Amino acid sequence: DSAGGSSKQARNRQTQAILPLRGKILNVERARLDKMLENNEIKALIMALGMGIGEEQEIAKIRYHKVILMADADVDGSHIRTLLLTLFFRHFPEIINQGYLYIAQPPLYKISFGKKENWVYSDEEKNKIIAQAKDKRANIQRYKGLGEMNPEQLWQTTMDPGKRMLLQVAVEDAEEADEIFSTLMGDEVLPRKRFIQTYAKKVQNLDT
């Protein structure tokens, strides 16, 4: 609610609509369509998009040509984002194919030197700024949740079209993507365990 409230206050009401989701949606990789449609958050999302679901789905009826996933910059936020990406990949693939799906990039840190503030979006950027500052005393604030920012900060860093950074979601290899979603989000535990063991040493963004 705090993130949804800040987003609603921050948005440009003429061009931006906010749909707050309460926590983690259903994992659609493990659920039948009828079970999925019983989920209130998913039903709200389907209604907001306006293009229907299943055989009655029409991409031409979609209400928005930029659907932006905004989630916290922590482990829970990553999980929510993955659940939503699974939903779009499995049930709204045309939104991805048309280039309408994006992921917002909220800042990880605010680094202050006196009255000067720097919004920082990666650990690499943080280390570079601190190294360049040399002996200056830095105040570093880590942002793990969108709700930790007030509406003005959220607009400035994440929602302002003139300043925000967005990642456009694209699927270059549908077959490989299908296999990864099945492995990571499906019922079978062993393939998921093998995947984690195989790629554990390559993980770069691990929030501890």
C-alpha atoms as a PDB file:
ATOM      1  CA  ASP A   1       0.000   0.000   0.000  1.00  0.00           C
ATOM      2  CA  SER A   2       2.822   2.438   0.770  1.00  0.00           C
ATOM      3  CA  ALA A   3       4.411   1.982  -2.659  1.00  0.00           C
ATOM      4  CA  GLY A   4       1.029   2.150  -4.381  1.00  0.00           C
ATOM      5  CA  GLY A   5       0.116   5.320  -2.492  1.00  0.00           C
ATOM      6  CA  SER A   6       3.407   7.043  -3.311  1.00  0.00           C
ATOM      7  CA  SER A   7       3.087   6.015  -6.972  1.00  0.00           C
ATOM      8  CA  LYS A   8      -0.447   7.381  -7.239  1.00  0.00           C
ATOM      9  CA  GLN A   9       0.595  10.669  -5.687  1.00  0.00           C
ATOM     10  CA  ALA A  10       3.678  10.910  -7.895  1.00  0.00           C
ATOM     11  CA  ARG A  11       2.160  10.031 -11.267  1.00  0.00           C
ATOM     12  CA  ASN A  12       1.128  12.333 -14.075  1.00  0.00           C
ATOM     13  CA  ARG A  13      -2.633  11.682 -13.944  1.00  0.00           C
ATOM     14  CA  GLN A  14      -3.099  12.585 -17.616  1.00  0.00           C
ATOM     15  CA  THR A  15      -0.730   9.939 -18.943  1.00  0.00           C
ATOM     16  CA  GLN A  16       0.000   7.409 -16.163  1.00  0.00           C
ATOM     17  CA  ALA A  17      -2.242   4.851 -14.465  1.00  0.00           C
ATOM     18  CA  ILE A  18      -1.205   2.835 -11.404  1.00  0.00           C
ATOM     19  CA  LEU A  19      -2.463  -0.663 -10.535  1.00  0.00           C
ATOM     20  CA  PRO A  20      -1.226  -1.578  -7.039  1.00  0.00           C
ATOM     21  CA  LEU A  21      -0.811  -5.324  -6.508  1.00  0.00           C
ATOM     22  CA  ARG A  22      -0.959  -6.779  -3.022  1.00  0.00           C
ATOM     23  CA  GLY A  23       2.208  -8.809  -2.655  1.00  0.00           C
ATOM     24  CA  LYS A  24       3.008 -11.841  -4.798  1.00  0.00           C
ATOM     25  CA  ILE A  25       0.538 -12.985  -7.438  1.00  0.00           C
ATOM     26  CA  LEU A  26      -0.249 -16.627  -8.129  1.00  0.00           C
ATOM     27  CA  ASN A  27       2.465 -18.625  -9.892  1.00  0.00           C
ATOM     28  CA  VAL A  28       0.600 -19.307 -13.149  1.00  0.00           C
ATOM     29  CA  GLU A  29       3.171 -21.900 -14.231  1.00  0.00           C
ATOM     30  CA  ARG A  30       1.654 -24.243 -11.624  1.00  0.00           C
ATOM     31  CA  ALA A  31      -2.009 -23.241 -11.940  1.00  0.00           C
ATOM     32  CA  ARG A  32      -4.845 -24.042 -14.344  1.00  0.00           C
ATOM     33  CA  LEU A  33      -6.576 -21.164 -16.123  1.00  0.00           C
ATOM     34  CA  ASP A  34      -9.737 -21.444 -13.986  1.00  0.00           C
ATOM     35  CA  LYS A  35      -7.656 -21.299 -10.794  1.00  0.00           C
ATOM     36  CA  MET A  36      -5.712 -18.352 -12.170  1.00  0.00           C
ATOM     37  CA  LEU A  37      -8.908 -16.431 -12.905  1.00  0.00           C
ATOM     38  CA  GLU A  38      -9.967 -16.812  -9.263  1.00  0.00           C
ATOM     39  CA  ASN A  39      -6.971 -14.744  -8.173  1.00  0.00           C
ATOM     40  CA  ASN A  40      -8.106 -11.172  -7.445  1.00  0.00           C
ATOM     41  CA  GLU A  41      -4.794  -9.548  -8.413  1.00  0.00           C
ATOM     42  CA  ILE A  42      -4.661 -11.331 -11.760  1.00  0.00           C
ATOM     43  CA  LYS A  43      -8.324 -10.526 -12.459  1.00  0.00           C
ATOM     44  CA  ALA A  44      -7.641  -6.843 -11.750  1.00  0.00           C
ATOM     45  CA  LEU A  45      -4.657  -6.908 -14.114  1.00  0.00           C
ATOM     46  CA  ILE A  46      -6.671  -8.544 -16.912  1.00  0.00           C
ATOM     47  CA  MET A  47      -9.414  -5.927 -16.538  1.00  0.00           C
ATOM     48  CA  ALA A  48      -6.885  -3.072 -16.497  1.00  0.00           C
ATOM     49  CA  LEU A  49      -5.209  -4.269 -19.710  1.00  0.00           C
ATOM     50  CA  GLY A  50      -8.604  -4.524 -21.435  1.00  0.00           C
ATOM     51  CA  MET A  51      -7.577  -7.097 -24.047  1.00  0.00           C
ATOM     52  CA  GLY A  52      -9.187 -10.208 -22.572  1.00  0.00           C
ATOM     53  CA  ILE A  53      -7.642 -13.596 -21.869  1.00  0.00           C
ATOM     54  CA  GLY A  54      -7.400 -16.943 -23.649  1.00  0.00           C
ATOM     55  CA  GLU A  55      -9.215 -17.429 -26.967  1.00  0.00           C
ATOM     56  CA  GLU A  56     -11.055 -14.101 -26.615  1.00  0.00           C
ATOM     57  CA  GLN A  57      -7.836 -12.108 -26.257  1.00  0.00           C
ATOM     58  CA  GLU A  58      -7.306  -9.230 -28.741  1.00  0.00           C
ATOM     59  CA  ILE A  59      -4.054  -7.257 -28.587  1.00  0.00           C
ATOM     60  CA  ALA A  60      -5.701  -4.413 -30.560  1.00  0.00           C
ATOM     61  CA  LYS A  61      -7.941  -3.718 -27.543  1.00  0.00           C
ATOM     62  CA  ILE A  62      -5.074  -3.185 -25.088  1.00  0.00           C
ATOM     63  CA  ARG A  63      -5.430   0.128 -23.237  1.00  0.00           C
ATOM     64  CA  TYR A  64      -1.728   0.838 -22.738  1.00  0.00           C
ATOM     65  CA  HIS A  65       1.279   0.620 -25.034  1.00  0.00           C
ATOM     66  CA  LYS A  66       3.665   0.856 -22.092  1.00  0.00           C
ATOM     67  CA  VAL A  67       3.022  -1.672 -19.333  1.00  0.00           C
ATOM     68  CA  ILE A  68       5.703  -1.050 -16.711  1.00  0.00           C
ATOM     69  CA  LEU A  69       6.451  -3.463 -13.867  1.00  0.00           C
ATOM     70  CA  MET A  70       7.557  -1.516 -10.771  1.00  0.00           C
ATOM     71  CA  ALA A  71       8.839  -3.637  -7.893  1.00  0.00           C
ATOM     72  CA  ASP A  72      11.201  -3.198  -4.970  1.00  0.00           C
ATOM     73  CA  ALA A  73      14.940  -3.467  -5.594  1.00  0.00           C
ATOM     74  CA  ASP A  74      15.359  -6.504  -3.321  1.00  0.00           C
ATOM     75  CA  VAL A  75      14.841 -10.291  -3.344  1.00  0.00           C
ATOM     76  CA  ASP A  76      11.064 -10.084  -2.799  1.00  0.00           C
ATOM     77  CA  GLY A  77      10.788  -7.509  -5.569  1.00  0.00           C
ATOM     78  CA  SER A  78      12.716  -9.807  -7.919  1.00  0.00           C
ATOM     79  CA  HIS A  79      10.364 -12.678  -7.080  1.00  0.00           C
ATOM     80  CA  ILE A  80       7.277 -10.533  -7.744  1.00  0.00           C
ATOM     81  CA  ARG A  81       8.787  -9.394 -11.047  1.00  0.00           C
ATOM     82  CA  THR A  82       9.497 -13.027 -12.036  1.00  0.00           C
ATOM     83  CA  LEU A  83       5.920 -14.087 -11.210  1.00  0.00           C
ATOM     84  CA  LEU A  84       4.571 -11.231 -13.348  1.00  0.00           C
ATOM     85  CA  LEU A  85       6.959 -12.041 -16.207  1.00  0.00           C
ATOM     86  CA  THR A  86       5.744 -15.655 -16.072  1.00  0.00           C
ATOM     87  CA  LEU A  87       2.149 -14.419 -16.331  1.00  0.00           C
ATOM     88  CA  PHE A  88       2.900 -12.217 -19.345  1.00  0.00           C
ATOM     89  CA  PHE A  89       5.047 -14.838 -21.089  1.00  0.00           C
ATOM     90  CA  ARG A  90       2.431 -17.582 -20.688  1.00  0.00           C
ATOM     91  CA  HIS A  91      -0.813 -15.640 -21.143  1.00  0.00           C
ATOM     92  CA  PHE A  92      -0.006 -12.280 -22.785  1.00  0.00           C
ATOM     93  CA  PRO A  93       2.876 -13.079 -25.167  1.00  0.00           C
ATOM     94  CA  GLU A  94       1.704 -10.500 -27.722  1.00  0.00           C
ATOM     95  CA  ILE A  95       2.318  -7.705 -25.211  1.00  0.00           C
ATOM     96  CA  ILE A  96       5.970  -8.794 -25.173  1.00  0.00           C
ATOM     97  CA  ASN A  97       6.096  -9.367 -28.936  1.00  0.00           C
ATOM     98  CA  GLN A  98       4.705  -5.876 -29.609  1.00  0.00           C
ATOM     99  CA  GLY A  99       7.337  -4.326 -27.310  1.00  0.00           C
ATOM    100  CA  TYR A 100       4.788  -3.022 -24.780  1.00  0.00           C
ATOM    101  CA  LEU A 101       6.259  -4.595 -21.614  1.00  0.00           C
ATOM    102  CA  TYR A 102       8.917  -2.791 -19.568  1.00  0.00           C
ATOM    103  CA  ILE A 103      10.649  -3.114 -16.204  1.00  0.00           C
ATOM    104  CA  ALA A 104      11.197   0.021 -14.123  1.00  0.00           C
ATOM    105  CA  GLN A 105      14.659   0.617 -12.660  1.00  0.00           C
ATOM    106  CA  PRO A 106      14.342   2.170  -9.178  1.00  0.00           C
ATOM    107  CA  PRO A 107      17.560   3.404  -7.573  1.00  0.00           C
ATOM    108  CA  LEU A 108      19.547   1.200  -5.209  1.00  0.00           C
ATOM    109  CA  TYR A 109      21.220   4.048  -3.325  1.00  0.00           C
ATOM    110  CA  LYS A 110      21.148   7.734  -2.596  1.00  0.00           C
ATOM    111  CA  ILE A 111      24.662   9.055  -2.010  1.00  0.00           C
ATOM    112  CA  SER A 112      24.879  12.516  -0.492  1.00  0.00           C
ATOM    113  CA  PHE A 113      27.863  14.818  -0.161  1.00  0.00           C
ATOM    114  CA  GLY A 114      26.523  17.644   1.955  1.00  0.00           C
ATOM    115  CA  LYS A 115      23.548  19.032   0.025  1.00  0.00           C
ATOM    116  CA  LYS A 116      24.487  17.313  -3.244  1.00  0.00           C
ATOM    117  CA  GLU A 117      22.511  14.108  -3.894  1.00  0.00           C
ATOM    118  CA  ASN A 118      23.319  11.302  -6.330  1.00  0.00           C
ATOM    119  CA  TRP A 119      20.740   8.640  -7.197  1.00  0.00           C
ATOM    120  CA  VAL A 120      22.621   5.442  -7.966  1.00  0.00           C
ATOM    121  CA  TYR A 121      21.260   2.413  -9.843  1.00  0.00           C
ATOM    122  CA  SER A 122      24.042  -0.177  -9.458  1.00  0.00           C
ATOM    123  CA  ASP A 123      26.852  -1.197  -7.108  1.00  0.00           C
ATOM    124  CA  GLU A 124      29.364  -0.426  -9.851  1.00  0.00           C
ATOM    125  CA  GLU A 125      28.069   3.133 -10.134  1.00  0.00           C
ATOM    126  CA  LYS A 126      28.146   3.505  -6.339  1.00  0.00           C
ATOM    127  CA  ASN A 127      31.779   2.372  -6.124  1.00  0.00           C
ATOM    128  CA  LYS A 128      32.773   4.732  -8.948  1.00  0.00           C
ATOM    129  CA  ILE A 129      31.137   7.763  -7.291  1.00  0.00           C
ATOM    130  CA  ILE A 130      32.736   7.000  -3.922  1.00  0.00           C
ATOM    131  CA  ALA A 131      36.161   6.480  -5.545  1.00  0.00           C
ATOM    132  CA  GLN A 132      35.911   9.780  -7.409  1.00  0.00           C
ATOM    133  CA  ALA A 133      34.894  11.607  -4.222  1.00  0.00           C
ATOM    134  CA  LYS A 134      38.172  10.519  -2.588  1.00  0.00           C
ATOM    135  CA  ASP A 135      38.264  12.003   0.931  1.00  0.00           C
ATOM    136  CA  LYS A 136      34.795  13.577   0.899  1.00  0.00           C
ATOM    137  CA  ARG A 137      32.452  12.183   3.566  1.00  0.00           C
ATOM    138  CA  ALA A 138      29.591  10.326   1.873  1.00  0.00           C
ATOM    139  CA  ASN A 139      26.187   9.545   3.356  1.00  0.00           C
ATOM    140  CA  ILE A 140      24.951   6.351   1.680  1.00  0.00           C
ATOM    141  CA  GLN A 141      21.294   5.329   1.930  1.00  0.00           C
ATOM    142  CA  ARG A 142      20.245   1.928   0.551  1.00  0.00           C
ATOM    143  CA  TYR A 143      16.733   1.774  -0.941  1.00  0.00           C
ATOM    144  CA  LYS A 144      15.165  -1.683  -0.806  1.00  0.00           C
ATOM    145  CA  GLY A 145      11.551  -0.634  -1.288  1.00  0.00           C
ATOM    146  CA  LEU A 146       9.627   1.826  -3.436  1.00  0.00           C
ATOM    147  CA  GLY A 147       7.668   2.744  -0.325  1.00  0.00           C
ATOM    148  CA  GLU A 148      10.856   4.100   1.279  1.00  0.00           C
ATOM    149  CA  MET A 149      10.788   7.001  -1.185  1.00  0.00           C
ATOM    150  CA  ASN A 150       8.334   9.866  -0.936  1.00  0.00           C
ATOM    151  CA  PRO A 151       6.235  10.705  -4.042  1.00  0.00           C
ATOM    152  CA  GLU A 152       8.616  13.435  -5.210  1.00  0.00           C
ATOM    153  CA  GLN A 153      11.623  11.087  -5.014  1.00  0.00           C
ATOM    154  CA  LEU A 154       9.731   8.262  -6.730  1.00  0.00           C
ATOM    155  CA  TRP A 155       8.760  10.564  -9.601  1.00  0.00           C
ATOM    156  CA  GLN A 156      12.258  11.972  -9.913  1.00  0.00           C
ATOM    157  CA  THR A 157      14.038   8.610  -9.949  1.00  0.00           C
ATOM    158  CA  THR A 158      11.624   6.052 -11.379  1.00  0.00           C
ATOM    159  CA  MET A 159       8.523   7.552 -13.016  1.00  0.00           C
ATOM    160  CA  ASP A 160       9.510  10.765 -14.818  1.00  0.00           C
ATOM    161  CA  PRO A 161       9.614   9.904 -18.572  1.00  0.00           C
ATOM    162  CA  GLY A 162      12.376  12.443 -19.022  1.00  0.00           C
ATOM    163  CA  LYS A 163      14.691  10.871 -16.437  1.00  0.00           C
ATOM    164  CA  ARG A 164      13.599   7.299 -15.710  1.00  0.00           C
ATOM    165  CA  MET A 165      15.399   4.182 -16.943  1.00  0.00           C
ATOM    166  CA  LEU A 166      13.305   1.356 -18.376  1.00  0.00           C
ATOM    167  CA  LEU A 167      14.275  -2.114 -19.550  1.00  0.00           C
ATOM    168  CA  GLN A 168      12.167  -3.315 -22.470  1.00  0.00           C
ATOM    169  CA  VAL A 169      11.238  -6.988 -22.128  1.00  0.00           C
ATOM    170  CA  ALA A 170      12.064  -9.031 -25.223  1.00  0.00           C
ATOM    171  CA  VAL A 171      12.238 -12.741 -26.010  1.00  0.00           C
ATOM    172  CA  GLU A 172      14.964 -13.554 -28.531  1.00  0.00           C
ATOM    173  CA  ASP A 173      14.628 -17.344 -28.242  1.00  0.00           C
ATOM    174  CA  ALA A 174      11.075 -18.425 -27.369  1.00  0.00           C
ATOM    175  CA  GLU A 175      12.008 -22.099 -27.031  1.00  0.00           C
ATOM    176  CA  GLU A 176      14.824 -21.360 -24.574  1.00  0.00           C
ATOM    177  CA  ALA A 177      12.613 -18.937 -22.604  1.00  0.00           C
ATOM    178  CA  ASP A 178       9.875 -21.565 -22.424  1.00  0.00           C
ATOM    179  CA  GLU A 179      12.352 -24.083 -21.000  1.00  0.00           C
ATOM    180  CA  ILE A 180      13.702 -21.606 -18.406  1.00  0.00           C
ATOM    181  CA  PHE A 181      10.231 -20.610 -17.175  1.00  0.00           C
ATOM    182  CA  SER A 182       9.283 -24.300 -16.897  1.00  0.00           C
ATOM    183  CA  THR A 183      12.482 -25.059 -14.968  1.00  0.00           C
ATOM    184  CA  LEU A 184      12.356 -22.126 -12.558  1.00  0.00           C
ATOM    185  CA  MET A 185       8.617 -21.818 -11.994  1.00  0.00           C
ATOM    186  CA  GLY A 186       7.287 -25.351 -12.576  1.00  0.00           C
ATOM    187  CA  ASP A 187       6.435 -28.167 -10.154  1.00  0.00           C
ATOM    188  CA  GLU A 188       9.608 -30.211 -10.663  1.00  0.00           C
ATOM    189  CA  VAL A 189      12.132 -29.432  -7.904  1.00  0.00           C
ATOM    190  CA  LEU A 190      15.134 -31.386  -9.235  1.00  0.00           C
ATOM    191  CA  PRO A 191      15.589 -29.428 -12.525  1.00  0.00           C
ATOM    192  CA  ARG A 192      15.349 -26.169 -10.566  1.00  0.00           C
ATOM    193  CA  LYS A 193      17.978 -27.399  -8.088  1.00  0.00           C
ATOM    194  CA  ARG A 194      20.299 -28.377 -10.929  1.00  0.00           C
ATOM    195  CA  PHE A 195      19.830 -24.986 -12.601  1.00  0.00           C
ATOM    196  CA  ILE A 196      20.704 -23.136  -9.379  1.00  0.00           C
ATOM    197  CA  GLN A 197      23.750 -25.323  -8.763  1.00  0.00           C
ATOM    198  CA  THR A 198      24.954 -24.817 -12.353  1.00  0.00           C
ATOM    199  CA  TYR A 199      24.676 -21.020 -12.380  1.00  0.00           C
ATOM    200  CA  ALA A 200      25.236 -20.145  -8.705  1.00  0.00           C
ATOM    201  CA  LYS A 201      28.792 -18.896  -9.270  1.00  0.00           C
ATOM    202  CA  LYS A 202      27.654 -16.581 -12.086  1.00  0.00           C
ATOM    203  CA  VAL A 203      25.204 -14.623  -9.930  1.00  0.00           C
ATOM    204  CA  GLN A 204      26.117 -10.923  -9.863  1.00  0.00           C
ATOM    205  CA  ASN A 205      23.118  -9.236  -8.211  1.00  0.00           C
ATOM    206  CA  LEU A 206      22.528 -11.057  -4.944  1.00  0.00           C
ATOM    207  CA  ASP A 207      20.784  -9.024  -2.231  1.00  0.00           C
ATOM    208  CA  THR A 208      21.988 -10.178   1.174  1.00  0.00           C
END
